C-alpha atoms as a PDB file:
ATOM      1  CA  MET A   1     -21.208   0.114   2.344  1.00  0.00           C
ATOM      2  CA  PRO A   2     -21.858   2.416   5.358  1.00  0.00           C
ATOM      3  CA  PRO A   3     -19.549   5.400   5.989  1.00  0.00           C
ATOM      4  CA  ILE A   4     -16.207   4.425   7.494  1.00  0.00           C
ATOM      5  CA  ILE A   5     -15.586   5.798  10.969  1.00  0.00           C
ATOM      6  CA  SER A   6     -11.939   6.518  11.594  1.00  0.00           C
ATOM      7  CA  PRO A   7     -10.425   4.799  14.657  1.00  0.00           C
ATOM      8  CA  TYR A   8      -8.399   8.004  15.123  1.00  0.00           C
ATOM      9  CA  GLU A   9     -11.397  10.312  15.324  1.00  0.00           C
ATOM     10  CA  ASP A  10     -10.997  12.761  18.236  1.00  0.00           C
ATOM     11  CA  VAL A  11      -7.867  10.890  19.421  1.00  0.00           C
ATOM     12  CA  PRO A  12      -4.827  13.109  20.244  1.00  0.00           C
ATOM     13  CA  VAL A  13      -1.652  12.518  18.248  1.00  0.00           C
ATOM     14  CA  GLU A  14       0.262  11.175  21.249  1.00  0.00           C
ATOM     15  CA  LYS A  15      -2.123   8.219  21.372  1.00  0.00           C
ATOM     16  CA  TRP A  16      -1.946   7.408  17.672  1.00  0.00           C
ATOM     17  CA  PRO A  17       0.762   4.709  18.029  1.00  0.00           C
ATOM     18  CA  GLU A  18      -1.484   2.792  20.426  1.00  0.00           C
ATOM     19  CA  ILE A  19      -4.427   3.018  18.029  1.00  0.00           C
ATOM     20  CA  THR A  20      -2.229   1.966  15.111  1.00  0.00           C
ATOM     21  CA  SER A  21      -1.117  -1.188  16.936  1.00  0.00           C
ATOM     22  CA  LYS A  22      -4.756  -2.117  17.615  1.00  0.00           C
ATOM     23  CA  VAL A  23      -5.836  -1.392  14.037  1.00  0.00           C
ATOM     24  CA  ILE A  24      -3.109  -3.618  12.589  1.00  0.00           C
ATOM     25  CA  ALA A  25      -3.773  -6.392  15.115  1.00  0.00           C
ATOM     26  CA  ALA A  26      -7.461  -6.356  14.135  1.00  0.00           C
ATOM     27  CA  HIS A  27      -6.737  -6.932  10.459  1.00  0.00           C
ATOM     28  CA  PRO A  28      -7.272 -10.503   9.173  1.00  0.00           C
ATOM     29  CA  LEU A  29      -3.924 -10.525   7.348  1.00  0.00           C
ATOM     30  CA  ALA A  30      -0.772 -11.115   9.350  1.00  0.00           C
ATOM     31  CA  THR A  31       2.012  -8.681   8.542  1.00  0.00           C
ATOM     32  CA  LYS A  32       4.375 -11.578   7.767  1.00  0.00           C
ATOM     33  CA  GLU A  33       2.048 -12.759   5.016  1.00  0.00           C
ATOM     34  CA  LEU A  34       1.723  -9.241   3.627  1.00  0.00           C
ATOM     35  CA  VAL A  35       5.500  -8.980   3.379  1.00  0.00           C
ATOM     36  CA  GLN A  36       5.774 -12.390   1.728  1.00  0.00           C
ATOM     37  CA  VAL A  37       3.116 -11.506  -0.848  1.00  0.00           C
ATOM     38  CA  VAL A  38       4.862  -8.238  -1.754  1.00  0.00           C
ATOM     39  CA  LEU A  39       8.282  -9.876  -2.066  1.00  0.00           C
ATOM     40  CA  THR A  40       6.833 -12.745  -4.122  1.00  0.00           C
ATOM     41  CA  ALA A  41       5.101 -10.299  -6.471  1.00  0.00           C
ATOM     42  CA  TRP A  42       8.379  -8.418  -6.949  1.00  0.00           C
ATOM     43  CA  THR A  43      10.301 -11.636  -7.651  1.00  0.00           C
ATOM     44  CA  GLU A  44       7.680 -12.929 -10.077  1.00  0.00           C
ATOM     45  CA  LEU A  45       7.621  -9.610 -11.902  1.00  0.00           C
ATOM     46  CA  HIS A  46      11.346  -9.781 -12.536  1.00  0.00           C
ATOM     47  CA  ALA A  47      11.239 -13.467 -13.451  1.00  0.00           C
ATOM     48  CA  THR A  48       8.600 -12.940 -16.144  1.00  0.00           C
ATOM     49  CA  ARG A  49       9.686 -13.304 -19.772  1.00  0.00           C
ATOM     50  CA  ILE A  50       8.127 -10.944 -22.311  1.00  0.00           C
ATOM     51  CA  GLY A  51       7.556 -11.575 -26.023  1.00  0.00           C
ATOM     52  CA  ASN A  52       9.266 -13.942 -28.446  1.00  0.00           C
ATOM     53  CA  ARG A  53      12.686 -12.739 -27.368  1.00  0.00           C
ATOM     54  CA  LYS A  54      11.927 -13.654 -23.726  1.00  0.00           C
ATOM     55  CA  LEU A  55      12.934 -10.227 -22.489  1.00  0.00           C
ATOM     56  CA  GLN A  56      13.337  -9.909 -18.742  1.00  0.00           C
ATOM     57  CA  ILE A  57      12.697  -6.853 -16.573  1.00  0.00           C
ATOM     58  CA  GLY A  58      15.898  -5.710 -14.890  1.00  0.00           C
ATOM     59  CA  ARG A  59      18.095  -7.524 -17.383  1.00  0.00           C
ATOM     60  CA  ASP A  60      16.929  -6.691 -20.903  1.00  0.00           C
ATOM     61  CA  ILE A  61      14.384  -3.940 -20.354  1.00  0.00           C
ATOM     62  CA  PHE A  62      14.124  -1.303 -17.631  1.00  0.00           C
ATOM     63  CA  PRO A  63      10.585   0.082 -17.241  1.00  0.00           C
ATOM     64  CA  ASN A  64      10.149   3.383 -15.459  1.00  0.00           C
ATOM     65  CA  PRO A  65       8.953   3.323 -11.826  1.00  0.00           C
ATOM     66  CA  GLN A  66       5.357   4.122 -12.797  1.00  0.00           C
ATOM     67  CA  ILE A  67       5.156   0.948 -14.882  1.00  0.00           C
ATOM     68  CA  LEU A  68       6.741  -1.164 -12.149  1.00  0.00           C
ATOM     69  CA  GLY A  69       4.297   0.310  -9.658  1.00  0.00           C
ATOM     70  CA  PHE A  70       1.379  -0.532 -11.950  1.00  0.00           C
ATOM     71  CA  PHE A  71       2.451  -4.167 -12.167  1.00  0.00           C
ATOM     72  CA  MET A  72       2.907  -4.403  -8.398  1.00  0.00           C
ATOM     73  CA  HIS A  73      -0.623  -3.049  -7.928  1.00  0.00           C
ATOM     74  CA  GLU A  74      -1.874  -5.859 -10.159  1.00  0.00           C
ATOM     75  CA  LEU A  75       0.300  -8.690  -8.881  1.00  0.00           C
ATOM     76  CA  ILE A  76      -0.110  -8.238  -5.115  1.00  0.00           C
ATOM     77  CA  PRO A  77      -3.899  -8.830  -5.171  1.00  0.00           C
ATOM     78  CA  VAL A  78      -3.506 -11.700  -7.647  1.00  0.00           C
ATOM     79  CA  GLU A  79      -0.928 -13.434  -5.446  1.00  0.00           C
ATOM     80  CA  LEU A  80      -3.089 -13.114  -2.338  1.00  0.00           C
ATOM     81  CA  ALA A  81      -6.260 -14.206  -4.145  1.00  0.00           C
ATOM     82  CA  ALA A  82      -4.436 -17.296  -5.379  1.00  0.00           C
ATOM     83  CA  GLU A  83      -3.638 -18.258  -1.785  1.00  0.00           C
ATOM     84  CA  HIS A  84      -7.062 -17.372  -0.321  1.00  0.00           C
ATOM     85  CA  PRO A  85      -9.643 -17.206  -3.150  1.00  0.00           C
ATOM     86  CA  GLU A  86     -12.549 -17.321  -0.709  1.00  0.00           C
ATOM     87  CA  LEU A  87     -11.255 -14.322   1.228  1.00  0.00           C
ATOM     88  CA  TRP A  88      -9.404 -11.982  -1.120  1.00  0.00           C
ATOM     89  CA  ARG A  89      -9.775 -10.681  -4.660  1.00  0.00           C
ATOM     90  CA  ARG A  90      -8.575  -7.801  -6.756  1.00  0.00           C
ATOM     91  CA  GLU A  91     -10.595  -4.671  -7.422  1.00  0.00           C
ATOM     92  CA  LYS A  92     -13.480  -5.248  -9.837  1.00  0.00           C
ATOM     93  CA  GLU A  93     -15.840  -2.292  -9.499  1.00  0.00           C
ATOM     94  CA  LYS A  94     -15.377   1.458  -9.355  1.00  0.00           C
ATOM     95  CA  GLY A  95     -14.980   2.604  -5.781  1.00  0.00           C
ATOM     96  CA  GLU A  96     -13.463  -0.636  -4.499  1.00  0.00           C
ATOM     97  CA  ARG A  97     -10.023  -0.695  -2.948  1.00  0.00           C
ATOM     98  CA  ASP A  98      -7.125  -2.439  -4.692  1.00  0.00           C
ATOM     99  CA  LEU A  99      -7.290  -5.530  -2.481  1.00  0.00           C
ATOM    100  CA  VAL A 100     -10.836  -6.523  -1.486  1.00  0.00           C
ATOM    101  CA  PHE A 101     -11.618  -8.601   1.620  1.00  0.00           C
ATOM    102  CA  ILE A 102     -14.723 -10.477   0.492  1.00  0.00           C
ATOM    103  CA  PRO A 103     -16.292 -11.211   3.920  1.00  0.00           C
ATOM    104  CA  ASP A 104     -16.042  -7.607   5.148  1.00  0.00           C
ATOM    105  CA  PRO A 105     -14.992  -4.692   2.868  1.00  0.00           C
ATOM    106  CA  LYS A 106     -13.873  -2.556   5.820  1.00  0.00           C
ATOM    107  CA  PHE A 107     -10.697  -4.671   5.885  1.00  0.00           C
ATOM    108  CA  SER A 108      -9.983  -4.065   2.191  1.00  0.00           C
ATOM    109  CA  VAL A 109      -6.616  -2.497   1.438  1.00  0.00           C
ATOM    110  CA  GLU A 110      -5.420   0.308  -0.804  1.00  0.00           C
ATOM    111  CA  ILE A 111      -1.934  -0.225  -2.256  1.00  0.00           C
ATOM    112  CA  LYS A 112       0.539   2.602  -2.797  1.00  0.00           C
ATOM    113  CA  THR A 113       3.940   2.159  -4.420  1.00  0.00           C
ATOM    114  CA  SER A 114       6.760   4.652  -4.821  1.00  0.00           C
ATOM    115  CA  SER A 115      10.343   4.761  -6.030  1.00  0.00           C
ATOM    116  CA  HIS A 116      11.034   7.533  -3.506  1.00  0.00           C
ATOM    117  CA  ALA A 117      13.461   6.489  -0.771  1.00  0.00           C
ATOM    118  CA  SER A 118      10.916   6.896   2.030  1.00  0.00           C
ATOM    119  CA  GLN A 119       7.773   8.801   1.045  1.00  0.00           C
ATOM    120  CA  ILE A 120       4.558   7.751  -0.645  1.00  0.00           C
ATOM    121  CA  PHE A 121       2.209   9.909  -2.660  1.00  0.00           C
ATOM    122  CA  GLY A 122      -1.441   9.954  -3.586  1.00  0.00           C
ATOM    123  CA  ASN A 123      -3.745  11.758  -5.928  1.00  0.00           C
ATOM    124  CA  ARG A 124      -4.545  15.302  -4.894  1.00  0.00           C
ATOM    125  CA  SER A 125      -8.174  14.237  -4.340  1.00  0.00           C
ATOM    126  CA  TYR A 126      -7.065  12.119  -1.370  1.00  0.00           C
ATOM    127  CA  ALA A 127      -6.686  15.317   0.641  1.00  0.00           C
ATOM    128  CA  GLN A 128     -10.312  16.266   0.028  1.00  0.00           C
ATOM    129  CA  PRO A 129     -13.258  15.010   2.123  1.00  0.00           C
ATOM    130  CA  PRO A 130     -15.468  12.587   0.178  1.00  0.00           C
ATOM    131  CA  ALA A 131     -18.523  14.249  -1.316  1.00  0.00           C
ATOM    132  CA  ALA A 132     -21.764  13.251   0.364  1.00  0.00           C
ATOM    133  CA  GLY A 133     -23.651  10.619  -1.586  1.00  0.00           C
ATOM    134  CA  LYS A 134     -21.033  10.330  -4.308  1.00  0.00           C
ATOM    135  CA  VAL A 135     -20.132   6.780  -5.296  1.00  0.00           C
ATOM    136  CA  GLY A 136     -16.954   5.565  -6.884  1.00  0.00           C
ATOM    137  CA  GLN A 137     -14.649   7.258  -4.389  1.00  0.00           C
ATOM    138  CA  LYS A 138     -11.997   5.133  -2.778  1.00  0.00           C
ATOM    139  CA  GLY A 139      -8.720   5.269  -0.964  1.00  0.00           C
ATOM    140  CA  ARG A 140      -9.479   8.162   1.351  1.00  0.00           C
ATOM    141  CA  ALA A 141     -10.055   6.224   4.569  1.00  0.00           C
ATOM    142  CA  GLY A 142      -9.056   2.715   5.474  1.00  0.00           C
ATOM    143  CA  TYR A 143      -6.166   0.286   5.429  1.00  0.00           C
ATOM    144  CA  PHE A 144      -3.102   1.093   3.331  1.00  0.00           C
ATOM    145  CA  LEU A 145      -0.189  -1.073   2.236  1.00  0.00           C
ATOM    146  CA  THR A 146       2.740   1.065   1.054  1.00  0.00           C
ATOM    147  CA  VAL A 147       5.738  -0.220  -0.872  1.00  0.00           C
ATOM    148  CA  ASN A 148       8.938   1.691  -1.653  1.00  0.00           C
ATOM    149  CA  PHE A 149      11.333   0.227  -4.194  1.00  0.00           C
ATOM    150  CA  VAL A 150      14.460   0.862  -6.233  1.00  0.00           C
ATOM    151  CA  ALA A 151      14.165   0.398  -9.989  1.00  0.00           C
ATOM    152  CA  LYS A 152      17.519  -0.466 -11.485  1.00  0.00           C
ATOM    153  CA  LYS A 153      18.692   1.398 -14.560  1.00  0.00           C
ATOM    154  CA  GLU A 154      21.361  -1.200 -15.234  1.00  0.00           C
ATOM    155  CA  ALA A 155      21.289  -4.981 -15.130  1.00  0.00           C
ATOM    156  CA  GLY A 156      19.750  -6.228 -11.906  1.00  0.00           C
ATOM    157  CA  ASP A 157      16.370  -6.782 -10.318  1.00  0.00           C
ATOM    158  CA  GLY A 158      16.218  -3.660  -8.178  1.00  0.00           C
ATOM    159  CA  LYS A 159      14.786  -4.221  -4.727  1.00  0.00           C
ATOM    160  CA  ILE A 160      11.993  -3.551  -2.293  1.00  0.00           C
ATOM    161  CA  THR A 161      13.356  -1.093   0.252  1.00  0.00           C
ATOM    162  CA  ARG A 162      10.426  -0.562   2.598  1.00  0.00           C
ATOM    163  CA  ILE A 163       6.952  -1.979   3.288  1.00  0.00           C
ATOM    164  CA  ARG A 164       4.529  -0.323   5.689  1.00  0.00           C
ATOM    165  CA  PHE A 165       0.982  -1.022   6.790  1.00  0.00           C
ATOM    166  CA  GLY A 166      -1.664   0.921   8.660  1.00  0.00           C
ATOM    167  CA  TRP A 167      -4.726   3.141   8.408  1.00  0.00           C
ATOM    168  CA  LEU A 168      -5.014   6.529   6.723  1.00  0.00           C
ATOM    169  CA  ASP A 169      -7.797   9.120   6.479  1.00  0.00           C
ATOM    170  CA  HIS A 170      -8.315  11.942   3.986  1.00  0.00           C
ATOM    171  CA  SER A 171      -7.097  14.394   6.653  1.00  0.00           C
ATOM    172  CA  ASP A 172      -3.683  12.684   6.627  1.00  0.00           C
ATOM    173  CA  TRP A 173      -2.996  13.909   3.095  1.00  0.00           C
ATOM    174  CA  VAL A 174      -1.803  17.350   2.026  1.00  0.00           C
ATOM    175  CA  GLY A 175      -2.581  18.292  -1.569  1.00  0.00           C
ATOM    176  CA  GLN A 176      -0.287  20.423  -3.693  1.00  0.00           C
ATOM    177  CA  THR A 177      -1.240  24.076  -3.463  1.00  0.00           C
ATOM    178  CA  SER A 178      -0.648  24.723  -7.154  1.00  0.00           C
ATOM    179  CA  GLU A 179      -3.822  24.410  -9.223  1.00  0.00           C
ATOM    180  CA  SER A 180      -1.904  22.319 -11.723  1.00  0.00           C
ATOM    181  CA  GLY A 181      -0.499  20.025  -9.031  1.00  0.00           C
ATOM    182  CA  GLN A 182      -2.140  16.623  -8.925  1.00  0.00           C
ATOM    183  CA  GLN A 183      -0.188  15.047  -6.070  1.00  0.00           C
ATOM    184  CA  ALA A 184      -0.651  14.709  -2.320  1.00  0.00           C
ATOM    185  CA  HIS A 185       1.761  13.701   0.432  1.00  0.00           C
ATOM    186  CA  LEU A 186       1.276  12.638   4.045  1.00  0.00           C
ATOM    187  CA  THR A 187       1.542  14.941   7.017  1.00  0.00           C
ATOM    188  CA  ALA A 188       4.612  14.311   9.190  1.00  0.00           C
ATOM    189  CA  ASN A 189       2.561  12.912  12.109  1.00  0.00           C
ATOM    190  CA  SER A 190       0.523  10.631   9.872  1.00  0.00           C
ATOM    191  CA  ASP A 191       3.622   9.298   8.144  1.00  0.00           C
ATOM    192  CA  ARG A 192       5.325   8.686  11.490  1.00  0.00           C
ATOM    193  CA  TYR A 193       2.504   7.299  13.629  1.00  0.00           C
ATOM    194  CA  LYS A 194      -0.151   5.759  11.392  1.00  0.00           C
ATOM    195  CA  LEU A 195       1.975   3.494   9.194  1.00  0.00           C
ATOM    196  CA  VAL A 196       4.137   0.771  10.732  1.00  0.00           C
ATOM    197  CA  GLN A 197       7.210  -0.510   8.927  1.00  0.00           C
ATOM    198  CA  ILE A 198       6.856  -4.276   8.504  1.00  0.00           C
ATOM    199  CA  TYR A 199       9.842  -4.731   6.166  1.00  0.00           C
ATOM    200  CA  PRO A 200      12.703  -4.671   6.754  1.00  0.00           C
ATOM    201  CA  VAL A 201      12.138  -5.314  10.442  1.00  0.00           C
ATOM    202  CA  ALA A 202      14.831  -4.122  12.837  1.00  0.00           C
ATOM    203  CA  ALA A 203      16.756  -6.903  14.574  1.00  0.00           C
ATOM    204  CA  ALA A 204      15.590  -5.678  17.979  1.00  0.00           C
ATOM    205  CA  ALA A 205      11.946  -5.914  16.907  1.00  0.00           C
ATOM    206  CA  VAL A 206      12.411  -9.462  15.604  1.00  0.00           C
ATOM    207  CA  LYS A 207      14.059 -10.507  18.852  1.00  0.00           C
ATOM    208  CA  ALA A 208      11.264  -8.971  20.895  1.00  0.00           C
ATOM    209  CA  SER A 209       8.556 -10.726  18.847  1.00  0.00           C
ATOM    210  CA  GLU A 210      10.318 -14.077  19.200  1.00  0.00           C
ATOM    211  CA  GLY A 211      10.884 -13.631  22.932  1.00  0.00           C
END
């Protein structure tokens, strides 16, 4: 796959919202379908029965957020591939993104989940430019689907609190300064202007799209 050229390259921050709208409009997946897939994956996860005792997540067992995030990473691509097997599949090879668009990999999507109220996080390596000629690197530039959720500690399913979609580059991430730190977070401008909230959608936005 040839190097990915960022649509934000040499574009001033004040024009990022315009670029973001174009980037999302160019993607083959409608945002409504993305939301539906995420919500379906969450519902199916909590409806699944585990073991002979038919244990249920959110009622009998309460996995930590990392485990819930892992399952969401697995289920979202599976749900979409089931609907469009000729177009979408899950990651198979090192270096592929979590959700692979078979006809054109540039539209493939990296999935990030977090139990934080609003932020998402990545590996510290996300903040580093990809090494020239090195294969097996992913996630540093391209489409991102981010999902924030609440994991219940008591009986209940928890809930998806926020879904966003957009494009991120390695320069959007800030790695922890500590040598032992393995986490990266988004810059304020990148978080604000390069990811669009697609769930929940404000009432005014829904009205505008219907009008």
